[in-house]
Protein backbone atom coordinates (compact mmCIF):
# COMPACT_ATOMS: atom_id res chain seq x y z
CA MET A 1 50.17 56.73 -84.54
CA LEU A 2 50.57 57.44 -80.60
CA VAL A 3 51.53 61.04 -79.97
CA ASN A 4 53.35 62.13 -76.52
CA THR A 5 51.84 65.56 -76.12
CA GLU A 6 53.85 66.46 -73.04
CA GLY A 7 56.08 69.38 -72.10
CA ASP A 8 58.45 66.84 -70.95
CA SER A 9 59.06 63.31 -70.26
CA ARG A 10 58.59 62.76 -66.65
CA ALA A 11 58.36 58.85 -65.56
CA GLY A 12 54.71 57.80 -65.83
CA ASP A 13 53.49 60.49 -67.94
CA ARG A 14 54.27 58.94 -71.53
CA VAL A 15 51.23 57.04 -73.11
CA ASP A 16 51.63 53.83 -75.39
CA ALA A 17 49.74 51.19 -77.00
CA SER A 18 50.61 49.01 -73.69
CA HIS A 19 48.56 51.55 -71.79
CA VAL A 20 45.38 51.44 -74.63
CA ARG A 21 45.32 48.13 -75.76
CA GLY A 22 41.89 46.36 -75.25
CA LEU A 23 40.47 49.07 -72.94
CA GLN A 24 36.98 49.20 -73.08
CA VAL A 25 34.16 50.44 -70.54
CA GLY A 26 31.85 48.02 -70.57
CA GLY A 27 33.74 44.62 -71.91
CA GLY A 28 33.68 43.66 -75.50
CA ASN A 29 36.10 41.63 -77.56
CA THR A 30 35.98 44.67 -80.33
CA GLN A 31 38.45 47.02 -80.14
CA HIS A 32 37.71 50.06 -82.26
CA ASN A 33 40.81 52.24 -81.75
CA HIS A 34 40.48 56.19 -84.01
CA PHE A 35 43.58 58.26 -82.77
CA TYR A 36 43.74 61.55 -83.72
CA SER A 37 47.02 63.82 -83.32
CA ARG A 38 46.21 67.28 -80.84
CA ARG A 39 48.07 69.93 -79.96
CA GLN A 40 50.99 69.45 -77.04
CA VAL A 41 49.36 71.02 -73.74
CA SER A 42 51.46 73.16 -71.66
CA TRP A 43 51.98 72.11 -68.36
CA PRO A 44 50.29 72.78 -65.44
CA TYR A 45 46.77 72.18 -67.52
CA ARG A 46 42.76 72.53 -66.30
CA VAL A 47 39.88 71.32 -67.72
CA GLY A 48 36.88 72.57 -67.21
CA VAL A 49 35.01 75.59 -66.08
CA VAL A 50 35.57 75.78 -62.39
CA PRO A 51 32.89 78.27 -61.39
CA ALA A 52 33.92 81.63 -59.86
CA LEU A 53 33.93 81.89 -56.32
CA ALA A 54 31.00 83.85 -54.38
CA ASP A 55 31.39 87.87 -53.81
CA ARG A 56 32.17 88.37 -49.78
CA ARG A 57 32.47 84.36 -49.49
CA GLN A 58 33.00 83.15 -45.74
CA ARG A 59 35.48 80.84 -45.09
CA ARG A 60 34.27 78.05 -42.87
CA PRO A 61 35.33 74.88 -40.69
CA ALA A 62 34.86 72.77 -44.08
CA ASP A 63 37.52 74.29 -46.06
CA GLU A 64 40.07 73.74 -43.35
CA ALA A 65 38.60 69.84 -43.30
CA LEU A 66 39.57 70.01 -47.15
CA ALA A 67 42.50 72.00 -47.31
CA THR A 68 44.32 69.66 -44.27
CA ALA A 69 43.36 66.35 -45.92
CA GLY A 70 46.84 64.71 -47.26
CA ALA A 71 49.44 66.78 -44.51
CA GLY A 72 52.72 65.60 -44.40
CA GLY A 73 52.04 63.29 -47.78
CA THR A 74 49.84 60.95 -47.36
CA VAL A 75 47.49 59.47 -49.71
CA VAL A 76 44.09 61.44 -49.96
CA VAL A 77 41.12 59.17 -50.02
CA CYS A 78 38.13 60.15 -52.17
CA GLN A 79 36.86 63.27 -50.39
CA VAL A 80 32.47 63.80 -50.59
CA LEU A 81 30.81 66.40 -49.66
CA ALA A 82 27.70 66.26 -48.13
CA GLY A 83 24.91 68.56 -47.71
CA LEU A 84 21.25 70.12 -47.98
CA GLY A 85 21.39 72.11 -51.61
CA GLY A 86 21.88 75.19 -51.41
CA VAL A 87 24.49 74.91 -48.26
CA GLY A 88 27.89 75.90 -50.40
CA LYS A 89 29.29 72.60 -51.48
CA THR A 90 30.33 73.63 -54.55
CA GLN A 91 31.85 76.31 -53.37
CA LEU A 92 33.97 74.44 -51.27
CA ALA A 93 34.94 72.35 -53.66
CA ALA A 94 36.25 75.64 -55.68
CA ASN A 95 38.39 77.29 -53.24
CA LEU A 96 40.05 74.41 -53.01
CA ALA A 97 40.81 73.67 -56.56
CA GLU A 98 41.83 77.06 -56.85
CA GLN A 99 43.60 77.48 -53.78
CA LEU A 100 45.39 74.13 -54.84
CA TRP A 101 46.16 76.04 -58.74
CA ARG A 102 47.46 79.26 -57.51
CA ASP A 103 49.87 77.43 -54.89
CA ARG A 104 51.58 75.67 -57.96
CA GLN A 105 50.49 71.86 -56.02
CA VAL A 106 48.63 70.27 -58.85
CA ASP A 107 49.53 70.22 -62.84
CA LEU A 108 46.42 68.74 -63.87
CA LEU A 109 42.93 70.42 -62.71
CA VAL A 110 39.79 68.55 -64.05
CA TRP A 111 36.34 69.97 -63.48
CA VAL A 112 33.39 67.78 -64.43
CA THR A 113 29.85 68.52 -64.07
CA ALA A 114 28.39 65.26 -63.12
CA THR A 115 24.99 65.59 -63.63
CA SER A 116 24.65 62.32 -65.57
CA ARG A 117 26.91 59.92 -66.93
CA SER A 118 27.27 61.28 -70.22
CA SER A 119 28.66 64.76 -68.55
CA ILE A 120 31.05 62.59 -66.85
CA LEU A 121 31.94 60.50 -69.39
CA THR A 122 32.32 63.72 -71.74
CA GLY A 123 34.67 65.46 -69.42
CA TYR A 124 37.01 62.52 -69.04
CA ALA A 125 37.44 62.08 -72.98
CA GLN A 126 38.16 65.50 -72.98
CA THR A 127 40.87 65.14 -70.47
CA ALA A 128 42.17 62.21 -72.18
CA ALA A 129 42.70 63.65 -75.61
CA ASP A 130 43.80 66.57 -74.04
CA VAL A 131 46.59 64.73 -71.20
CA THR A 132 47.55 61.70 -74.00
CA GLY A 133 47.17 63.51 -77.07
CA VAL A 134 44.81 61.02 -77.94
CA GLU A 135 41.49 61.44 -79.02
CA ASP A 136 38.64 58.66 -78.94
CA SER A 137 35.84 58.35 -81.28
CA ASP A 138 33.93 56.32 -78.51
CA PRO A 139 33.65 58.24 -75.02
CA ASP A 140 34.02 54.76 -73.01
CA GLN A 141 37.57 54.44 -74.51
CA GLY A 142 38.44 57.70 -73.77
CA ALA A 143 37.02 57.63 -70.33
CA ALA A 144 39.63 54.03 -69.74
CA ARG A 145 42.38 56.18 -71.09
CA LEU A 146 42.11 58.75 -68.87
CA LEU A 147 41.65 56.34 -65.67
CA ALA A 148 44.31 54.49 -66.82
CA TRP A 149 46.35 57.42 -67.11
CA LEU A 150 45.45 58.97 -64.20
CA ALA A 151 47.04 55.90 -62.29
CA GLY A 152 50.00 55.70 -63.85
CA THR A 153 51.59 58.99 -64.11
CA ASP A 154 53.42 60.70 -61.52
CA ARG A 155 52.04 64.24 -62.21
CA ARG A 156 49.92 65.63 -59.00
CA TRP A 157 46.21 65.71 -60.64
CA LEU A 158 42.98 67.00 -58.93
CA ILE A 159 39.58 65.33 -60.08
CA VAL A 160 36.20 67.62 -58.86
CA LEU A 161 32.94 65.62 -59.74
CA ASP A 162 30.31 68.36 -58.65
CA ASP A 163 26.75 67.74 -58.23
CA LEU A 164 26.76 64.03 -58.22
CA ALA A 165 23.08 63.75 -58.85
CA ASP A 166 23.20 59.36 -59.13
CA PRO A 167 25.79 57.98 -57.61
CA ALA A 168 25.22 54.98 -60.31
CA ASP A 169 26.72 57.42 -63.22
CA LEU A 170 30.40 56.94 -61.46
CA ARG A 171 30.20 52.86 -61.53
CA GLY A 172 33.53 51.96 -62.91
CA LEU A 173 34.78 55.80 -63.77
CA TRP A 174 36.06 56.35 -59.74
CA PRO A 175 39.20 57.98 -60.59
CA PRO A 176 41.74 55.87 -58.85
CA THR A 177 43.48 56.19 -55.23
CA THR A 178 47.32 57.06 -55.92
CA THR A 179 50.11 59.38 -54.20
CA THR A 180 49.96 61.87 -56.22
CA GLY A 181 45.60 62.53 -57.30
CA ARG A 182 42.92 63.43 -55.60
CA THR A 183 39.11 63.15 -56.26
CA ILE A 184 36.57 65.36 -54.70
CA VAL A 185 32.56 64.98 -54.77
CA THR A 186 29.95 67.21 -54.54
CA LEU A 187 26.61 65.89 -53.66
CA ARG A 188 23.28 65.55 -51.91
CA ARG A 189 23.58 61.93 -51.36
CA ARG A 190 23.97 60.01 -48.37
CA ASP A 191 24.45 56.54 -49.45
CA ALA A 192 26.22 53.99 -47.38
CA ALA A 193 27.75 52.59 -50.48
CA LEU A 194 28.94 55.81 -51.95
CA LEU A 195 30.89 56.24 -48.16
CA GLN A 196 32.81 53.34 -48.08
CA GLY A 197 36.14 53.56 -48.17
CA ARG A 198 35.82 57.44 -48.54
CA THR A 199 35.91 60.73 -46.83
CA LEU A 200 32.51 62.48 -45.90
CA ILE A 201 32.87 65.79 -45.40
CA ASP A 202 29.50 67.07 -43.88
CA VAL A 203 28.44 70.88 -45.05
CA ASP A 204 26.61 72.01 -42.57
CA LEU A 205 24.72 76.15 -42.87
CA PHE A 206 26.10 79.21 -42.35
CA THR A 207 26.53 79.88 -37.87
CA PRO A 208 25.14 82.87 -36.77
CA GLY A 209 28.69 84.63 -36.94
CA GLU A 210 29.68 83.61 -40.31
CA ALA A 211 26.12 84.58 -41.81
CA ALA A 212 26.30 88.00 -39.55
CA ALA A 213 29.37 88.86 -41.46
CA TYR A 214 28.14 87.96 -44.77
CA LEU A 215 25.22 90.11 -44.55
CA ALA A 216 27.23 92.69 -43.52
CA GLY A 217 29.67 92.12 -46.31
CA LYS A 218 27.19 91.93 -49.02
CA LEU A 219 24.76 95.37 -48.06
CA ASP A 220 28.57 97.16 -47.56
CA GLY A 221 28.23 97.57 -44.00
CA ALA A 222 25.31 100.13 -43.91
CA ALA A 223 23.95 100.79 -40.69
CA ASP A 224 20.29 101.10 -42.07
CA ARG A 225 19.94 98.15 -44.51
CA LEU A 226 21.36 95.65 -41.82
CA ASP A 227 18.23 96.64 -39.46
CA GLU A 228 17.46 92.93 -38.42
CA ALA A 229 20.10 90.93 -39.71
CA ASP A 230 20.35 88.53 -37.24
CA GLN A 231 16.62 87.69 -37.31
CA LEU A 232 16.66 87.69 -41.33
CA ALA A 233 19.25 85.12 -41.00
CA ALA A 234 17.51 83.10 -38.36
CA ASP A 235 14.28 83.31 -40.90
CA LEU A 236 16.15 82.19 -43.26
CA GLY A 237 18.02 79.36 -41.55
CA TYR A 238 21.16 80.46 -42.07
CA LEU A 239 20.89 78.69 -45.41
CA PRO A 240 23.94 80.42 -47.57
CA LEU A 241 21.85 80.61 -51.04
CA ALA A 242 19.31 82.27 -49.24
CA LEU A 243 21.07 84.66 -47.66
CA ALA A 244 22.69 85.33 -50.60
CA GLN A 245 19.57 86.08 -52.84
CA ALA A 246 18.16 87.48 -50.15
CA ALA A 247 20.59 90.31 -50.12
CA THR A 248 20.98 90.58 -53.80
CA TYR A 249 17.50 91.07 -53.66
CA ILE A 250 17.25 93.93 -51.30
CA LEU A 251 20.16 96.07 -53.12
CA ASP A 252 17.82 95.24 -56.32
CA GLN A 253 14.57 96.81 -54.36
CA ASP A 254 16.55 99.11 -52.03
CA LEU A 255 15.49 97.70 -49.03
CA THR A 256 16.99 97.09 -45.52
CA CYS A 257 16.46 93.38 -44.18
CA ALA A 258 13.38 94.47 -41.69
CA ALA A 259 11.86 95.41 -44.41
CA TYR A 260 12.54 91.80 -46.63
CA ARG A 261 11.66 90.14 -43.63
CA LYS A 262 7.92 91.17 -43.90
CA ARG A 263 8.20 90.58 -47.38
CA LEU A 264 9.14 87.54 -46.57
CA ALA A 265 6.55 86.83 -43.90
CA ARG A 266 3.49 87.38 -46.07
CA ARG A 267 4.63 86.63 -49.52
CA ARG A 268 5.38 83.32 -50.92
CA LEU A 269 9.51 82.58 -51.77
CA ALA A 270 9.10 82.62 -55.89
CA THR A 271 8.15 86.09 -55.33
CA LEU A 272 11.13 86.97 -53.64
CA SER A 273 14.37 86.13 -55.76
CA PRO A 274 16.07 88.28 -57.64
CA TYR A 275 15.11 88.47 -61.25
CA LEU A 276 19.21 87.68 -61.95
CA LEU A 277 20.65 85.36 -59.66
CA PRO A 278 23.66 86.37 -57.60
CA ASP A 279 27.01 84.11 -58.09
CA ASP A 280 26.24 82.68 -61.48
CA GLN A 281 23.76 80.69 -59.45
CA ALA A 282 21.59 78.70 -61.72
CA THR A 283 18.25 78.03 -59.53
CA PRO A 284 15.89 80.15 -57.00
CA VAL A 285 15.64 78.89 -53.19
CA ALA A 286 12.03 77.29 -53.69
CA ASP A 287 13.22 75.27 -56.79
CA THR A 288 16.18 74.43 -55.52
CA TRP A 289 15.19 70.88 -53.65
CA ALA A 290 12.62 69.81 -56.35
CA LEU A 291 15.27 67.57 -57.87
CA SER A 292 16.03 65.69 -54.52
CA VAL A 293 12.46 65.19 -54.31
CA ASP A 294 11.28 63.84 -57.33
CA LEU A 295 13.69 61.51 -56.86
CA ALA A 296 12.98 60.45 -53.17
CA ASP A 297 9.57 60.25 -54.19
CA ALA A 298 10.45 57.91 -57.40
CA ALA A 299 12.69 55.28 -55.31
CA THR A 300 9.67 55.14 -52.86
CA GLY A 301 6.56 54.43 -54.97
CA GLY A 302 5.41 58.23 -54.02
CA ILE A 303 5.34 58.37 -50.06
CA ALA A 304 8.56 60.48 -49.63
CA ARG A 305 6.68 63.06 -50.91
CA ILE A 306 3.66 63.19 -48.54
CA LEU A 307 6.03 62.38 -45.50
CA LEU A 308 7.89 65.26 -46.65
CA GLN A 309 4.22 67.60 -46.73
CA ILE A 310 3.30 66.07 -43.31
CA ALA A 311 6.66 67.03 -41.65
CA ALA A 312 7.10 70.00 -43.46
CA LEU A 313 3.89 71.22 -41.52
CA LEU A 314 5.72 70.36 -38.04
CA ASP A 315 8.93 71.75 -35.93
CA PRO A 316 11.95 71.95 -37.75
CA ASN A 317 13.74 71.46 -34.49
CA GLY A 318 12.96 68.09 -34.18
CA ILE A 319 9.71 65.38 -34.91
CA PRO A 320 9.34 62.06 -33.63
CA PRO A 321 10.91 59.53 -35.80
CA ASP A 322 8.08 57.48 -34.83
CA LEU A 323 5.12 59.16 -35.75
CA PHE A 324 5.79 58.18 -39.49
CA ALA A 325 4.70 54.91 -38.30
CA THR A 326 1.66 55.67 -36.66
CA ARG A 327 -1.55 53.94 -37.95
CA ALA A 328 -2.79 57.60 -39.37
CA VAL A 329 0.21 58.30 -42.14
CA THR A 330 0.31 55.19 -43.11
CA ASP A 331 -3.90 55.08 -43.50
CA TYR A 332 -3.37 58.65 -45.04
CA CYS A 333 -0.76 57.32 -47.85
CA GLN A 334 -2.86 54.08 -48.49
CA LYS A 335 -6.04 56.49 -49.01
CA ARG A 336 -3.74 58.80 -51.40
CA LEU A 337 -1.88 56.69 -53.13
CA GLY A 338 -4.47 53.29 -53.66
CA GLN A 339 -1.72 51.53 -52.54
CA PRO A 340 -0.85 49.17 -49.31
CA VAL A 341 1.06 50.93 -47.45
CA ASP A 342 2.53 50.18 -43.72
CA ALA A 343 5.18 51.13 -41.19
CA ASP A 344 8.44 49.47 -43.00
CA ASP A 345 7.28 51.60 -46.22
CA THR A 346 7.57 55.37 -44.64
CA HIS A 347 10.71 53.89 -42.67
CA ASP A 348 12.17 53.29 -46.15
CA ALA A 349 10.57 56.61 -47.24
CA ILE A 350 12.15 58.55 -44.16
CA ARG A 351 15.29 57.16 -45.22
CA ALA A 352 14.70 58.01 -48.81
CA LEU A 353 15.22 61.77 -47.49
CA HIS A 354 17.92 61.02 -45.56
CA ARG A 355 19.62 60.00 -48.22
CA LEU A 356 19.06 62.53 -49.90
CA SER A 357 19.71 65.31 -47.38
CA LEU A 358 16.28 66.55 -47.40
CA ALA A 359 15.83 65.26 -44.01
CA ASP A 360 18.62 65.27 -41.35
CA ILE A 361 18.31 61.91 -38.83
CA ALA A 362 21.16 61.48 -35.92
CA ALA A 363 23.12 58.64 -35.23
CA ILE A 364 21.26 57.61 -32.50
CA PRO A 365 17.89 55.64 -33.04
CA GLY A 366 14.89 57.13 -31.63
CA THR A 367 15.98 60.68 -32.05
CA ALA A 368 14.48 63.53 -33.62
CA LEU A 369 14.37 63.72 -37.80
CA ARG A 370 15.00 67.36 -38.36
CA VAL A 371 13.74 69.77 -41.60
CA HIS A 372 15.30 72.78 -42.42
CA ALA A 373 12.68 75.18 -42.24
CA LEU A 374 13.03 76.57 -45.72
CA VAL A 375 12.53 72.64 -47.37
CA GLN A 376 9.43 72.65 -45.32
CA ARG A 377 8.42 76.01 -46.32
CA ALA A 378 8.84 75.55 -50.45
CA THR A 379 7.23 72.29 -50.07
CA ARG A 380 4.11 74.19 -48.53
CA GLU A 381 4.32 76.63 -50.74
CA ALA A 382 4.25 73.66 -54.02
CA THR A 383 1.41 71.59 -52.01
CA PRO A 384 -1.71 71.58 -54.16
CA ASP A 385 -4.52 73.24 -52.42
CA GLU A 386 -6.95 69.98 -51.87
CA HIS A 387 -4.05 68.05 -50.22
CA ARG A 388 -3.53 70.60 -47.47
CA ARG A 389 -6.55 70.39 -44.98
CA PRO A 390 -6.04 66.27 -44.77
CA LEU A 391 -2.15 66.71 -44.52
CA ALA A 392 -2.80 69.08 -41.58
CA VAL A 393 -5.74 66.51 -39.82
CA THR A 394 -3.32 63.63 -40.48
CA ALA A 395 -0.14 65.12 -38.73
CA ALA A 396 -3.04 66.31 -35.64
CA ASP A 397 -3.66 62.48 -35.61
CA ALA A 398 -0.36 61.29 -35.76
CA LEU A 399 0.98 63.53 -33.03
CA THR A 400 -2.58 62.13 -30.73
CA GLU A 401 -1.72 58.84 -31.42
CA LEU A 402 1.79 59.51 -30.23
CA TRP A 403 0.25 61.06 -27.11
CA PRO A 404 0.47 58.33 -23.96
CA GLU A 405 -2.07 58.26 -21.45
CA THR A 406 0.45 59.14 -18.32
CA GLU A 407 3.19 61.57 -19.63
CA ARG A 408 6.83 60.27 -17.77
CA ASP A 409 9.16 61.52 -20.56
CA ALA A 410 9.22 65.10 -20.39
CA THR A 411 11.48 65.74 -23.04
CA HIS A 412 9.13 63.14 -25.20
CA ALA A 413 6.11 65.52 -24.30
CA GLN A 414 7.84 68.75 -24.27
CA HIS A 415 8.29 67.55 -28.32
CA LEU A 416 5.34 66.50 -29.36
CA ARG A 417 3.92 69.91 -27.66
CA ALA A 418 6.47 71.62 -29.87
CA ASN A 419 5.58 69.74 -33.30
CA THR A 420 1.94 70.74 -31.59
CA THR A 421 2.31 74.46 -31.32
CA HIS A 422 4.02 74.56 -34.73
CA LEU A 423 1.67 72.34 -36.40
CA HIS A 424 -1.09 74.91 -35.54
CA GLY A 425 0.66 77.77 -35.92
CA ILE A 426 1.05 76.62 -39.55
CA THR A 427 -1.91 75.26 -40.52
CA GLY A 428 -4.23 77.77 -38.66
CA ALA A 429 -7.81 77.14 -39.30
CA LEU A 430 -7.48 73.52 -40.86
CA LEU A 431 -7.33 72.51 -37.96
CA TRP A 432 -11.16 74.22 -37.03
CA ASN A 433 -14.53 73.83 -38.39
CA HIS A 434 -17.55 74.37 -37.08
CA ASP A 435 -18.35 70.76 -36.94
CA ASP A 436 -15.67 69.32 -35.17
CA GLY A 437 -14.64 71.75 -33.95
CA GLY A 438 -11.20 71.96 -33.07
CA HIS A 439 -8.37 69.43 -33.08
CA PRO A 440 -8.24 67.22 -29.84
CA VAL A 441 -4.64 67.48 -30.30
CA LEU A 442 -4.22 71.35 -29.20
CA PHE A 443 -6.31 70.07 -25.71
CA LYS A 444 -3.90 67.38 -24.98
CA ALA A 445 -1.22 69.93 -25.59
CA GLY A 446 -2.41 72.48 -23.04
CA ASN A 447 -3.33 69.66 -20.30
CA SER A 448 0.20 68.22 -21.14
CA LEU A 449 1.80 71.69 -19.51
CA GLY A 450 -0.36 71.54 -16.50
CA ASN A 451 0.36 67.93 -16.08
CA THR A 452 4.44 67.91 -16.16
CA GLY A 453 3.84 71.00 -13.78
CA LEU A 454 3.89 74.27 -16.12
CA VAL A 455 0.58 75.33 -14.63
CA THR A 456 1.44 79.11 -15.13
CA ALA A 457 2.02 78.03 -18.99
CA ALA A 458 -1.10 75.78 -19.13
CA ALA A 459 -3.28 78.33 -17.94
CA ASN A 460 -1.86 81.18 -20.98
CA TYR A 461 -1.68 78.68 -23.29
CA PHE A 462 -5.56 77.97 -22.91
CA ASP A 463 -6.31 81.62 -22.57
CA ASN A 464 -4.64 81.87 -26.42
CA LEU A 465 -6.99 78.87 -27.16
CA HIS A 466 -9.82 80.42 -25.94
CA THR A 467 -9.58 83.54 -28.31
CA THR A 468 -8.71 81.51 -31.13
CA ALA A 469 -11.99 79.16 -30.53
CA ASN A 470 -13.42 82.02 -30.48
CA GLN A 471 -12.24 84.04 -34.09
CA HIS A 472 -13.48 79.91 -35.60
CA LEU A 473 -15.92 78.91 -34.30
CA GLY A 474 -17.73 82.31 -32.15
CA PRO A 475 -18.42 82.10 -27.83
CA ASP A 476 -21.36 79.24 -27.90
CA HIS A 477 -19.42 76.78 -29.36
CA PRO A 478 -18.91 73.44 -27.37
CA VAL A 479 -15.50 73.78 -27.74
CA THR A 480 -15.20 77.77 -27.26
CA LEU A 481 -17.00 76.73 -24.12
CA ALA A 482 -14.18 73.28 -23.53
CA THR A 483 -11.34 76.13 -23.89
CA ARG A 484 -12.71 77.95 -20.57
CA HIS A 485 -13.25 75.24 -18.79
CA ASN A 486 -9.53 74.39 -19.36
CA LEU A 487 -8.44 77.94 -18.79
CA ALA A 488 -10.79 77.71 -15.27
CA ARG A 489 -9.05 75.01 -13.85
CA TRP A 490 -5.45 75.73 -14.43
CA ARG A 491 -6.12 79.36 -13.03
CA GLY A 492 -7.20 77.33 -10.26
CA LYS A 493 -4.12 74.87 -9.91
CA THR A 494 -2.13 78.03 -10.54
CA GLY A 495 -3.03 78.84 -7.06
CA ASP A 496 -5.55 81.57 -8.17
CA THR A 497 -9.04 79.41 -6.67
CA ALA A 498 -11.47 82.62 -6.48
CA GLY A 499 -10.82 83.11 -9.70
CA ALA A 500 -11.37 79.99 -10.37
CA ALA A 501 -14.48 79.46 -9.15
CA ILE A 502 -15.84 83.37 -10.35
CA ALA A 503 -14.37 81.26 -14.46
CA PHE A 504 -16.33 78.30 -13.64
CA GLU A 505 -19.50 80.50 -12.06
CA GLN A 506 -19.70 82.22 -15.70
CA LEU A 507 -19.25 79.16 -17.18
CA LEU A 508 -22.16 77.90 -16.23
CA THR A 509 -24.34 79.98 -16.94
CA ASP A 510 -23.54 79.57 -20.51
CA SER A 511 -23.02 76.46 -19.49
CA LEU A 512 -26.97 76.14 -19.16
CA ARG A 513 -28.08 78.21 -21.72
CA VAL A 514 -26.18 76.47 -24.53
CA LEU A 515 -26.29 72.92 -23.78
CA GLY A 516 -28.67 72.41 -21.33
CA PRO A 517 -28.62 71.00 -17.63
CA ASP A 518 -28.42 67.64 -18.52
CA HIS A 519 -25.20 68.04 -20.64
CA LEU A 520 -22.29 66.41 -19.15
CA HIS A 521 -20.05 69.22 -19.99
CA THR A 522 -22.78 71.04 -17.46
CA LEU A 523 -22.35 68.54 -15.02
CA SER A 524 -18.37 68.85 -15.51
CA THR A 525 -18.87 72.37 -15.09
CA ARG A 526 -20.22 72.13 -11.44
CA ASN A 527 -18.26 69.56 -10.39
CA ASN A 528 -15.11 72.03 -11.06
CA LEU A 529 -17.40 74.67 -9.83
CA ALA A 530 -17.77 72.96 -6.59
CA HIS A 531 -14.16 71.81 -6.43
CA TRP A 532 -13.18 75.39 -6.41
CA ARG A 533 -15.91 76.95 -4.23
CA GLY A 534 -14.10 74.66 -1.24
CA GLU A 535 -10.41 75.69 -2.02
CA ALA A 536 -11.77 79.10 -2.22
CA GLY A 537 -12.41 78.58 1.29
CA ASP A 538 -16.32 77.99 0.83
CA ALA A 539 -16.13 73.98 2.55
CA ALA A 540 -19.71 74.30 3.37
CA GLY A 541 -20.53 76.01 0.03
CA ALA A 542 -19.12 73.16 -1.50
CA ALA A 543 -20.29 70.41 0.11
CA THR A 544 -24.04 71.70 -0.84
CA ALA A 545 -22.75 72.36 -4.08
CA TYR A 546 -21.83 68.51 -4.48
CA GLU A 547 -25.04 67.32 -2.73
CA GLN A 548 -27.19 69.01 -5.71
CA LEU A 549 -24.89 67.41 -8.13
CA LEU A 550 -25.21 64.09 -6.70
CA THR A 551 -28.55 63.72 -7.09
CA ASP A 552 -29.04 65.01 -10.68
CA ARG A 553 -26.17 62.60 -11.42
CA LEU A 554 -27.89 59.74 -10.07
CA ARG A 555 -30.49 60.58 -12.17
CA VAL A 556 -28.59 61.40 -15.61
CA LEU A 557 -25.65 58.91 -15.12
CA GLY A 558 -27.24 56.00 -12.42
CA PRO A 559 -25.41 54.89 -9.25
CA ASP A 560 -22.68 53.10 -10.62
CA HIS A 561 -20.63 56.05 -13.11
CA PRO A 562 -17.53 56.41 -12.31
CA HIS A 563 -18.81 60.21 -12.32
CA THR A 564 -21.56 60.06 -9.31
CA LEU A 565 -19.23 57.66 -7.53
CA GLY A 566 -16.29 60.34 -7.69
CA THR A 567 -19.24 63.08 -6.73
CA ARG A 568 -20.21 60.89 -3.46
CA GLY A 569 -16.21 61.00 -2.42
CA ASN A 570 -16.55 64.71 -2.86
CA LEU A 571 -19.13 65.27 -0.89
CA ALA A 572 -17.84 62.76 2.07
CA TYR A 573 -15.01 65.42 1.14
CA TRP A 574 -15.89 68.58 2.04
CA ARG A 575 -19.01 67.54 4.39
CA ASP A 576 -15.49 66.64 6.78
CA ARG A 577 -13.99 70.10 5.83
CA SER A 578 -16.77 71.51 6.31
CA ALA A 579 -17.62 69.91 9.41
CA LYS A 580 -13.89 71.04 11.14
CA ASP A 581 -14.13 74.59 9.88
CA GLY A 582 -17.49 74.42 12.51
CA ASN A 583 -19.62 74.71 9.44
CA HIS A 584 -22.69 72.66 9.42
CA PRO A 585 -24.18 72.11 5.48
């Protein structure tokens, strides 16, 4: 017997045999109806456990986007809350659900944890049994019964499908679009088919103001605890989950934001998780994205994880998207996976990372790819040691491959320099070894500054690079001498011609001792010494130096070498300058 268990007889609420006869998910001809009478529900009614709202929760723009949907009685299409793990999608959905429930704007509130198809079916079947009074032994039939009820009822309902892991799990189970119903889905994916006919709400990070207000609230506005709070929020990339766990750790350990920052700089993320996570959170920050990485990796044959490991070494504010199509990257993927990998494969892997909200690609083709700084850090900390240096060298090789011979696009050059600087800062000694010296991309970045008119910045860059080379390689390594060469050159370009001449004179002494008189770098140092001696006002001395250099370049390189020909031209120039100055070398 079919039992109407509802507390009133509003049109559309009664479920009789015509509603359920033949309803099955997945087809089939045999109908097995096992009906059990259940207690009558009291309206309004809710199924499932809505997560508690976070302590000191901040109201955000996405709250307004959710709240204003359907204003004026219009049909609300399914709303998809998508974004990086940890941005607060579940909290947004929970806040709206509780608000609608509190304001008596829904008669039925259903919260389903949608991490698998079986959990969705179970939630649907339970709801169907509760609201129709008919309990099916088969969850598929119960789910079909609920969907039919939702399509026909005039009761106001809200279905929240939280943390949908795989959109395929909802095949045939999407709630209907009606004038009385509303569906909200939270997930980390951005699949095109998933969003068609639905409204996407991209959930972003906290703004700096929201982050500051959150920390001030969590830490009770204590001025001492809030020391460097703004910097801490920036360190954590304004990620709500990370800020919540950091604030809890600070309170547990009786620290200040400044003290936490010091620990963050020298410890692994996993060691900075509080013993008891706040707001009933289930996962520490360090493990938040592991499932998404696994899904992307499985969908791309292992390529997505490698590309994320490379991206984790580069600038979180923007990575040139064509970097992942370079020969350096595809060759490395192929070597590591033992299978052919081309630019199409890496393109698809980047799209997989984007679909799973692990990377963000702007809508404009060719614009930078972004990976959140904490995703990068968690990825680096999870990378096995044996892959660290090959990954760093691959990233550096790829940047070198992208660098044009002539830099005409200042923005592109700036992106390459920013990524090189970040790579060097993250990997440190991995780009240095005594056999190869320093990676060539480090020199390209410095010279790019000068070539685009930033000569003072170029001089400062090579001053720092020389210090680093001296630390890793020692003062007499040829690459250390090369950093001095570039430093002296760009110092001269800043207008300090005398300083450049002195620096090249000192470098020549060491080059003769270390490399010998006929080494190309020694000859190049003599060339630059002559040039800057002339620029400093000693035209006659420059002409004499070029005359002596020409003799040695003829002997070492031959008469037709470009450097020999260049020396002839410079000799003629400075002889002419010397003659005009009244000197006769």
